[in-house]
Amino acid sequence: MLALIAFRTDTQLVVEWLEQHGDPYLTKNTSIGETVEQARTLQRNHSHFRQIARNTYSNANKLFEASKAILESGVCDAEKMRAMIGDLDQRVQQFTHRVEARFNLLNQSVLFHTHYHEIMAWYDEMEKKYADRVVDCDVEACERSKEQWLYEMP
């Protein structure tokens, strides 16, 4: 019976952390950054949050294991226990999905901004290099210019 009380208390603690800290963090932090620096900062902050959330996942997994032992002991209403575990599992899975979706989105934001800077630097270089260039008049010269230009692409 003591194990059941501890189980319910620990389950409530996990749910409270999700409601009071996890979900509000994800709801509040929706920006993906307008620059590569901002995106990297947000990515770092989210990685730190993921580390904290892993502790909650670990606690939930311990509760899932404990629920099996409590169910086997027969000291509780099996239907209520299964419903409680099912609800907790669903909440943790939904939260995990949101955390990972944001992680992936921030990674894509960093990549986007990084590639944007790379392509713009290349474009600026090509613009300076070919600013005074006159368009070739014959097909062969145009083909050579095109091949040279493609060779210089990043």
N, C-alpha and C. Protein backbone atom coordinates (compact mmCIF):
# COMPACT_ATOMS: atom_id res chain seq x y z
N MET A 1 0.81 -1.20 0.00
CA MET A 1 0.00 0.00 0.00
C MET A 1 0.86 1.27 0.00
N LEU A 2 1.98 1.22 0.72
CA LEU A 2 2.90 2.35 0.76
C LEU A 2 3.48 2.62 -0.63
N ALA A 3 3.76 1.54 -1.36
CA ALA A 3 4.30 1.68 -2.71
C ALA A 3 3.29 2.38 -3.62
N LEU A 4 2.02 2.09 -3.43
CA LEU A 4 0.97 2.71 -4.24
C LEU A 4 0.88 4.21 -3.95
N ILE A 5 0.98 4.58 -2.69
CA ILE A 5 0.94 6.00 -2.32
C ILE A 5 2.15 6.73 -2.91
N ALA A 6 3.32 6.13 -2.79
CA ALA A 6 4.54 6.73 -3.36
C ALA A 6 4.41 6.83 -4.87
N PHE A 7 3.85 5.81 -5.49
CA PHE A 7 3.66 5.81 -6.94
C PHE A 7 2.77 6.97 -7.37
N ARG A 8 1.64 7.13 -6.69
CA ARG A 8 0.72 8.22 -7.04
C ARG A 8 1.38 9.59 -6.84
N THR A 9 2.11 9.73 -5.75
CA THR A 9 2.80 10.99 -5.47
C THR A 9 3.83 11.30 -6.56
N ASP A 10 4.63 10.30 -6.91
CA ASP A 10 5.66 10.50 -7.93
C ASP A 10 5.04 10.77 -9.30
N THR A 11 3.94 10.10 -9.60
CA THR A 11 3.24 10.34 -10.87
C THR A 11 2.75 11.79 -10.91
N GLN A 12 2.19 12.25 -9.81
CA GLN A 12 1.71 13.63 -9.74
C GLN A 12 2.85 14.62 -9.91
N LEU A 13 4.02 14.31 -9.36
CA LEU A 13 5.19 15.19 -9.52
C LEU A 13 5.61 15.31 -10.98
N VAL A 14 5.59 14.20 -11.70
CA VAL A 14 5.95 14.23 -13.12
C VAL A 14 4.93 15.07 -13.89
N VAL A 15 3.64 14.84 -13.63
CA VAL A 15 2.59 15.59 -14.32
C VAL A 15 2.70 17.08 -13.99
N GLU A 16 2.96 17.39 -12.73
CA GLU A 16 3.10 18.80 -12.34
C GLU A 16 4.29 19.45 -13.04
N TRP A 17 5.41 18.73 -13.17
CA TRP A 17 6.56 19.32 -13.86
C TRP A 17 6.20 19.60 -15.32
N LEU A 18 5.50 18.66 -15.95
CA LEU A 18 5.10 18.87 -17.34
C LEU A 18 4.18 20.09 -17.46
N GLU A 19 3.22 20.20 -16.54
CA GLU A 19 2.25 21.30 -16.60
C GLU A 19 2.84 22.64 -16.20
N GLN A 20 3.71 22.65 -15.20
CA GLN A 20 4.20 23.91 -14.65
C GLN A 20 5.50 24.40 -15.29
N HIS A 21 6.27 23.48 -15.85
CA HIS A 21 7.57 23.88 -16.40
C HIS A 21 7.73 23.49 -17.87
N GLY A 22 7.49 22.22 -18.18
CA GLY A 22 7.74 21.73 -19.54
C GLY A 22 6.87 22.37 -20.60
N ASP A 23 5.55 22.22 -20.44
CA ASP A 23 4.63 22.78 -21.44
C ASP A 23 4.72 24.31 -21.52
N PRO A 24 4.77 25.02 -20.38
CA PRO A 24 4.92 26.48 -20.48
C PRO A 24 6.20 26.91 -21.20
N TYR A 25 7.29 26.19 -20.99
CA TYR A 25 8.54 26.53 -21.68
C TYR A 25 8.35 26.42 -23.19
N LEU A 26 7.75 25.32 -23.63
CA LEU A 26 7.56 25.13 -25.06
C LEU A 26 6.56 26.13 -25.64
N THR A 27 5.54 26.48 -24.86
CA THR A 27 4.55 27.44 -25.32
C THR A 27 5.16 28.84 -25.43
N LYS A 28 6.01 29.18 -24.49
CA LYS A 28 6.63 30.51 -24.45
C LYS A 28 7.75 30.65 -25.48
N ASN A 29 8.53 29.63 -25.69
CA ASN A 29 9.70 29.69 -26.57
C ASN A 29 9.37 29.12 -27.94
N THR A 30 8.93 30.01 -28.82
CA THR A 30 8.54 29.58 -30.16
C THR A 30 9.41 30.17 -31.26
N SER A 31 10.24 31.12 -30.92
CA SER A 31 11.08 31.78 -31.92
C SER A 31 12.11 30.80 -32.49
N ILE A 32 12.44 30.97 -33.76
CA ILE A 32 13.48 30.14 -34.37
C ILE A 32 14.73 30.95 -34.70
N GLY A 33 14.68 32.25 -34.41
CA GLY A 33 15.84 33.10 -34.64
C GLY A 33 15.80 33.77 -36.00
N GLU A 34 16.20 35.02 -36.00
CA GLU A 34 16.24 35.78 -37.25
C GLU A 34 17.64 35.86 -37.83
N THR A 35 18.62 35.42 -37.05
CA THR A 35 20.01 35.38 -37.52
C THR A 35 20.60 34.05 -37.07
N VAL A 36 21.75 33.72 -37.63
CA VAL A 36 22.40 32.47 -37.23
C VAL A 36 22.80 32.52 -35.76
N GLU A 37 23.19 33.69 -35.28
CA GLU A 37 23.58 33.82 -33.87
C GLU A 37 22.38 33.57 -32.95
N GLN A 38 21.24 34.18 -33.29
CA GLN A 38 20.03 33.96 -32.49
C GLN A 38 19.61 32.49 -32.54
N ALA A 39 19.65 31.91 -33.73
CA ALA A 39 19.25 30.51 -33.88
C ALA A 39 20.15 29.60 -33.06
N ARG A 40 21.45 29.87 -33.05
CA ARG A 40 22.37 29.04 -32.26
C ARG A 40 22.13 29.20 -30.77
N THR A 41 21.84 30.42 -30.34
CA THR A 41 21.55 30.65 -28.92
C THR A 41 20.28 29.89 -28.52
N LEU A 42 19.26 29.99 -29.35
CA LEU A 42 18.02 29.26 -29.07
C LEU A 42 18.25 27.75 -29.08
N GLN A 43 19.08 27.29 -30.00
CA GLN A 43 19.41 25.87 -30.08
C GLN A 43 20.13 25.41 -28.81
N ARG A 44 21.08 26.21 -28.34
CA ARG A 44 21.81 25.89 -27.09
C ARG A 44 20.86 25.85 -25.90
N ASN A 45 19.98 26.85 -25.81
CA ASN A 45 19.02 26.90 -24.71
C ASN A 45 18.09 25.69 -24.75
N HIS A 46 17.66 25.32 -25.94
CA HIS A 46 16.76 24.18 -26.05
C HIS A 46 17.49 22.88 -25.72
N SER A 47 18.74 22.77 -26.10
CA SER A 47 19.52 21.57 -25.75
C SER A 47 19.63 21.44 -24.23
N HIS A 48 19.82 22.56 -23.56
CA HIS A 48 19.86 22.54 -22.09
C HIS A 48 18.50 22.09 -21.54
N PHE A 49 17.43 22.60 -22.11
CA PHE A 49 16.08 22.20 -21.69
C PHE A 49 15.86 20.70 -21.93
N ARG A 50 16.34 20.20 -23.06
CA ARG A 50 16.20 18.76 -23.35
C ARG A 50 16.89 17.91 -22.28
N GLN A 51 18.06 18.37 -21.83
CA GLN A 51 18.78 17.64 -20.77
C GLN A 51 17.94 17.59 -19.50
N ILE A 52 17.32 18.70 -19.15
CA ILE A 52 16.46 18.73 -17.96
C ILE A 52 15.25 17.82 -18.16
N ALA A 53 14.67 17.85 -19.35
CA ALA A 53 13.49 17.02 -19.64
C ALA A 53 13.84 15.53 -19.58
N ARG A 54 15.07 15.18 -19.91
CA ARG A 54 15.48 13.76 -19.85
C ARG A 54 15.33 13.20 -18.44
N ASN A 55 15.53 14.03 -17.44
CA ASN A 55 15.33 13.60 -16.06
C ASN A 55 13.86 13.21 -15.84
N THR A 56 12.95 14.00 -16.41
CA THR A 56 11.53 13.69 -16.31
C THR A 56 11.21 12.39 -17.04
N TYR A 57 11.81 12.19 -18.22
CA TYR A 57 11.58 10.94 -18.95
C TYR A 57 12.06 9.76 -18.12
N SER A 58 13.21 9.92 -17.49
CA SER A 58 13.77 8.86 -16.66
C SER A 58 12.83 8.55 -15.49
N ASN A 59 12.32 9.59 -14.86
CA ASN A 59 11.37 9.38 -13.76
C ASN A 59 10.12 8.67 -14.24
N ALA A 60 9.62 9.05 -15.41
CA ALA A 60 8.42 8.41 -15.96
C ALA A 60 8.70 6.94 -16.25
N ASN A 61 9.86 6.63 -16.80
CA ASN A 61 10.21 5.23 -17.08
C ASN A 61 10.28 4.41 -15.80
N LYS A 62 10.82 5.00 -14.73
CA LYS A 62 10.85 4.31 -13.44
C LYS A 62 9.44 4.06 -12.93
N LEU A 63 8.55 5.02 -13.16
CA LEU A 63 7.16 4.84 -12.75
C LEU A 63 6.48 3.72 -13.55
N PHE A 64 6.79 3.63 -14.84
CA PHE A 64 6.22 2.56 -15.65
C PHE A 64 6.66 1.20 -15.12
N GLU A 65 7.93 1.10 -14.74
CA GLU A 65 8.44 -0.15 -14.18
C GLU A 65 7.79 -0.45 -12.83
N ALA A 66 7.66 0.58 -12.00
CA ALA A 66 7.05 0.40 -10.68
C ALA A 66 5.59 -0.01 -10.81
N SER A 67 4.91 0.51 -11.82
CA SER A 67 3.50 0.17 -12.00
C SER A 67 3.32 -1.32 -12.28
N LYS A 68 4.26 -1.90 -12.98
CA LYS A 68 4.18 -3.35 -13.25
C LYS A 68 4.24 -4.13 -11.96
N ALA A 69 5.16 -3.74 -11.08
CA ALA A 69 5.29 -4.44 -9.79
C ALA A 69 4.04 -4.25 -8.94
N ILE A 70 3.49 -3.05 -8.94
CA ILE A 70 2.28 -2.79 -8.15
C ILE A 70 1.11 -3.57 -8.71
N LEU A 71 0.99 -3.62 -10.02
CA LEU A 71 -0.09 -4.40 -10.64
C LEU A 71 0.03 -5.88 -10.30
N GLU A 72 1.25 -6.39 -10.32
CA GLU A 72 1.47 -7.81 -10.00
C GLU A 72 1.17 -8.12 -8.54
N SER A 73 1.38 -7.14 -7.66
CA SER A 73 1.12 -7.37 -6.23
C SER A 73 -0.37 -7.41 -5.93
N GLY A 74 -1.18 -6.79 -6.77
CA GLY A 74 -2.62 -6.82 -6.59
C GLY A 74 -3.14 -5.90 -5.51
N VAL A 75 -2.38 -4.91 -5.07
CA VAL A 75 -2.81 -4.02 -3.99
C VAL A 75 -3.59 -2.81 -4.50
N CYS A 76 -3.93 -2.81 -5.77
CA CYS A 76 -4.63 -1.65 -6.32
C CYS A 76 -5.67 -2.10 -7.32
N ASP A 77 -6.51 -1.16 -7.70
CA ASP A 77 -7.49 -1.39 -8.76
C ASP A 77 -6.73 -1.36 -10.09
N ALA A 78 -6.65 -2.50 -10.74
CA ALA A 78 -5.84 -2.65 -11.95
C ALA A 78 -6.30 -1.70 -13.06
N GLU A 79 -7.60 -1.51 -13.20
CA GLU A 79 -8.11 -0.62 -14.25
C GLU A 79 -7.69 0.82 -14.01
N LYS A 80 -7.80 1.28 -12.77
CA LYS A 80 -7.39 2.65 -12.46
C LYS A 80 -5.89 2.83 -12.68
N MET A 81 -5.13 1.82 -12.28
CA MET A 81 -3.67 1.89 -12.43
C MET A 81 -3.30 1.95 -13.91
N ARG A 82 -3.92 1.10 -14.71
CA ARG A 82 -3.63 1.10 -16.15
C ARG A 82 -4.04 2.43 -16.80
N ALA A 83 -5.18 2.98 -16.35
CA ALA A 83 -5.63 4.26 -16.89
C ALA A 83 -4.64 5.37 -16.51
N MET A 84 -4.17 5.35 -15.27
CA MET A 84 -3.22 6.36 -14.80
C MET A 84 -1.92 6.27 -15.59
N ILE A 85 -1.43 5.05 -15.78
CA ILE A 85 -0.19 4.85 -16.54
C ILE A 85 -0.39 5.22 -18.01
N GLY A 86 -1.54 4.86 -18.56
CA GLY A 86 -1.84 5.22 -19.95
C GLY A 86 -1.85 6.72 -20.16
N ASP A 87 -2.48 7.44 -19.22
CA ASP A 87 -2.52 8.90 -19.31
C ASP A 87 -1.11 9.49 -19.20
N LEU A 88 -0.34 8.98 -18.25
CA LEU A 88 1.02 9.49 -18.07
C LEU A 88 1.86 9.22 -19.32
N ASP A 89 1.75 8.01 -19.85
CA ASP A 89 2.51 7.65 -21.04
C ASP A 89 2.14 8.56 -22.22
N GLN A 90 0.86 8.81 -22.38
CA GLN A 90 0.41 9.68 -23.47
C GLN A 90 0.95 11.10 -23.29
N ARG A 91 0.88 11.63 -22.08
CA ARG A 91 1.38 12.98 -21.81
C ARG A 91 2.88 13.08 -22.09
N VAL A 92 3.62 12.08 -21.61
CA VAL A 92 5.07 12.10 -21.80
C VAL A 92 5.41 11.99 -23.28
N GLN A 93 4.71 11.12 -24.00
CA GLN A 93 4.98 10.97 -25.44
C GLN A 93 4.66 12.25 -26.21
N GLN A 94 3.54 12.89 -25.89
CA GLN A 94 3.19 14.14 -26.56
C GLN A 94 4.23 15.22 -26.27
N PHE A 95 4.64 15.30 -25.02
CA PHE A 95 5.64 16.28 -24.63
C PHE A 95 6.96 16.00 -25.34
N THR A 96 7.38 14.74 -25.35
CA THR A 96 8.62 14.36 -26.01
C THR A 96 8.57 14.73 -27.49
N HIS A 97 7.44 14.48 -28.12
CA HIS A 97 7.28 14.82 -29.54
C HIS A 97 7.45 16.33 -29.74
N ARG A 98 6.85 17.14 -28.88
CA ARG A 98 6.98 18.60 -29.00
C ARG A 98 8.42 19.05 -28.79
N VAL A 99 9.10 18.45 -27.81
CA VAL A 99 10.50 18.82 -27.54
C VAL A 99 11.37 18.49 -28.74
N GLU A 100 11.20 17.29 -29.30
CA GLU A 100 12.02 16.87 -30.44
C GLU A 100 11.67 17.66 -31.70
N ALA A 101 10.40 18.00 -31.88
CA ALA A 101 10.01 18.80 -33.05
C ALA A 101 10.68 20.17 -32.99
N ARG A 102 10.70 20.77 -31.81
CA ARG A 102 11.37 22.08 -31.67
C ARG A 102 12.87 21.94 -31.88
N PHE A 103 13.45 20.87 -31.36
CA PHE A 103 14.88 20.62 -31.55
C PHE A 103 15.20 20.54 -33.05
N ASN A 104 14.41 19.78 -33.79
CA ASN A 104 14.63 19.64 -35.23
C ASN A 104 14.42 20.97 -35.96
N LEU A 105 13.42 21.73 -35.56
CA LEU A 105 13.15 23.02 -36.18
C LEU A 105 14.30 23.99 -35.95
N LEU A 106 14.84 24.00 -34.74
CA LEU A 106 15.98 24.89 -34.45
C LEU A 106 17.22 24.46 -35.22
N ASN A 107 17.43 23.16 -35.37
CA ASN A 107 18.55 22.69 -36.19
C ASN A 107 18.39 23.17 -37.63
N GLN A 108 17.19 23.08 -38.16
CA GLN A 108 16.95 23.54 -39.53
C GLN A 108 17.13 25.05 -39.64
N SER A 109 16.75 25.78 -38.61
CA SER A 109 16.94 27.23 -38.62
C SER A 109 18.42 27.58 -38.67
N VAL A 110 19.22 26.90 -37.85
CA VAL A 110 20.67 27.15 -37.86
C VAL A 110 21.24 26.84 -39.24
N LEU A 111 20.85 25.71 -39.81
CA LEU A 111 21.34 25.34 -41.14
C LEU A 111 20.91 26.36 -42.20
N PHE A 112 19.66 26.78 -42.14
CA PHE A 112 19.16 27.76 -43.10
C PHE A 112 19.99 29.04 -43.05
N HIS A 113 20.13 29.59 -41.84
CA HIS A 113 20.87 30.85 -41.71
C HIS A 113 22.34 30.69 -42.10
N THR A 114 22.92 29.56 -41.77
CA THR A 114 24.32 29.30 -42.14
C THR A 114 24.46 29.26 -43.65
N HIS A 115 23.59 28.51 -44.31
CA HIS A 115 23.67 28.40 -45.77
C HIS A 115 23.32 29.72 -46.45
N TYR A 116 22.42 30.48 -45.86
CA TYR A 116 22.09 31.79 -46.41
C TYR A 116 23.33 32.68 -46.43
N HIS A 117 24.06 32.70 -45.31
CA HIS A 117 25.28 33.51 -45.26
C HIS A 117 26.31 33.01 -46.26
N GLU A 118 26.45 31.71 -46.39
CA GLU A 118 27.42 31.15 -47.34
C GLU A 118 27.07 31.52 -48.77
N ILE A 119 25.80 31.37 -49.13
CA ILE A 119 25.40 31.64 -50.52
C ILE A 119 25.47 33.14 -50.81
N MET A 120 25.15 33.97 -49.83
CA MET A 120 25.23 35.42 -50.05
C MET A 120 26.69 35.87 -50.16
N ALA A 121 27.57 35.28 -49.39
CA ALA A 121 29.00 35.62 -49.50
C ALA A 121 29.52 35.21 -50.88
N TRP A 122 29.11 34.03 -51.34
CA TRP A 122 29.52 33.58 -52.67
C TRP A 122 28.95 34.51 -53.74
N TYR A 123 27.68 34.88 -53.61
CA TYR A 123 27.04 35.76 -54.58
C TYR A 123 27.76 37.12 -54.62
N ASP A 124 28.05 37.67 -53.46
CA ASP A 124 28.77 38.96 -53.42
C ASP A 124 30.12 38.87 -54.12
N GLU A 125 30.81 37.76 -53.88
CA GLU A 125 32.11 37.55 -54.52
C GLU A 125 31.96 37.47 -56.04
N MET A 126 30.97 36.74 -56.51
CA MET A 126 30.74 36.60 -57.95
C MET A 126 30.30 37.93 -58.56
N GLU A 127 29.48 38.67 -57.82
CA GLU A 127 29.02 39.96 -58.32
C GLU A 127 30.20 40.91 -58.52
N LYS A 128 31.11 40.94 -57.56
CA LYS A 128 32.31 41.79 -57.69
C LYS A 128 33.20 41.31 -58.84
N LYS A 129 33.36 40.02 -58.92
CA LYS A 129 34.25 39.44 -59.93
C LYS A 129 33.74 39.69 -61.35
N TYR A 130 32.44 39.60 -61.53
CA TYR A 130 31.88 39.69 -62.88
C TYR A 130 31.15 41.01 -63.14
N ALA A 131 31.32 42.00 -62.30
CA ALA A 131 30.60 43.28 -62.45
C ALA A 131 30.93 43.98 -63.77
N ASP A 132 32.18 43.90 -64.18
CA ASP A 132 32.59 44.60 -65.40
C ASP A 132 32.56 43.70 -66.62
N ARG A 133 32.13 42.50 -66.47
CA ARG A 133 32.15 41.53 -67.57
C ARG A 133 31.02 41.80 -68.55
N VAL A 134 31.34 41.70 -69.82
CA VAL A 134 30.36 41.87 -70.89
C VAL A 134 29.86 40.48 -71.27
N VAL A 135 28.60 40.39 -71.60
CA VAL A 135 28.02 39.12 -71.99
C VAL A 135 28.62 38.68 -73.32
N ASP A 136 29.02 37.41 -73.37
CA ASP A 136 29.61 36.87 -74.60
C ASP A 136 28.57 36.83 -75.72
N CYS A 137 29.07 36.98 -76.96
CA CYS A 137 28.17 37.02 -78.11
C CYS A 137 28.00 35.68 -78.79
N ASP A 138 28.96 34.77 -78.66
CA ASP A 138 28.81 33.49 -79.36
C ASP A 138 28.53 32.37 -78.34
N VAL A 139 27.92 31.31 -78.83
CA VAL A 139 27.47 30.20 -77.99
C VAL A 139 28.63 29.53 -77.27
N GLU A 140 29.72 29.26 -77.96
CA GLU A 140 30.86 28.58 -77.34
C GLU A 140 31.42 29.38 -76.17
N ALA A 141 31.56 30.67 -76.34
CA ALA A 141 32.08 31.52 -75.27
C ALA A 141 31.11 31.54 -74.08
N CYS A 142 29.81 31.57 -74.39
CA CYS A 142 28.81 31.51 -73.32
C CYS A 142 28.90 30.19 -72.56
N GLU A 143 29.08 29.09 -73.28
CA GLU A 143 29.21 27.77 -72.65
C GLU A 143 30.44 27.72 -71.75
N ARG A 144 31.55 28.25 -72.22
CA ARG A 144 32.77 28.28 -71.41
C ARG A 144 32.56 29.12 -70.15
N SER A 145 31.93 30.26 -70.31
CA SER A 145 31.66 31.13 -69.16
C SER A 145 30.74 30.43 -68.16
N LYS A 146 29.75 29.73 -68.70
CA LYS A 146 28.83 29.00 -67.82
C LYS A 146 29.57 27.91 -67.05
N GLU A 147 30.41 27.15 -67.73
CA GLU A 147 31.18 26.08 -67.08
C GLU A 147 32.10 26.65 -66.01
N GLN A 148 32.75 27.75 -66.31
CA GLN A 148 33.63 28.38 -65.33
C GLN A 148 32.82 28.86 -64.12
N TRP A 149 31.68 29.44 -64.38
CA TRP A 149 30.83 29.94 -63.31
C TRP A 149 30.35 28.78 -62.44
N LEU A 150 29.92 27.68 -63.06
CA LEU A 150 29.47 26.50 -62.30
C LEU A 150 30.61 25.90 -61.48
N TYR A 151 31.80 25.95 -62.01
CA TYR A 151 32.97 25.42 -61.30
C TYR A 151 33.23 26.22 -60.03
N GLU A 152 32.92 27.50 -60.07
CA GLU A 152 33.18 28.38 -58.93
C GLU A 152 32.08 28.34 -57.87
N MET A 153 30.98 27.64 -58.16
CA MET A 153 29.89 27.56 -57.18
C MET A 153 30.35 26.77 -55.96
N PRO A 154 29.82 27.14 -54.80
CA PRO A 154 30.22 26.41 -53.58
C PRO A 154 29.69 24.99 -53.55
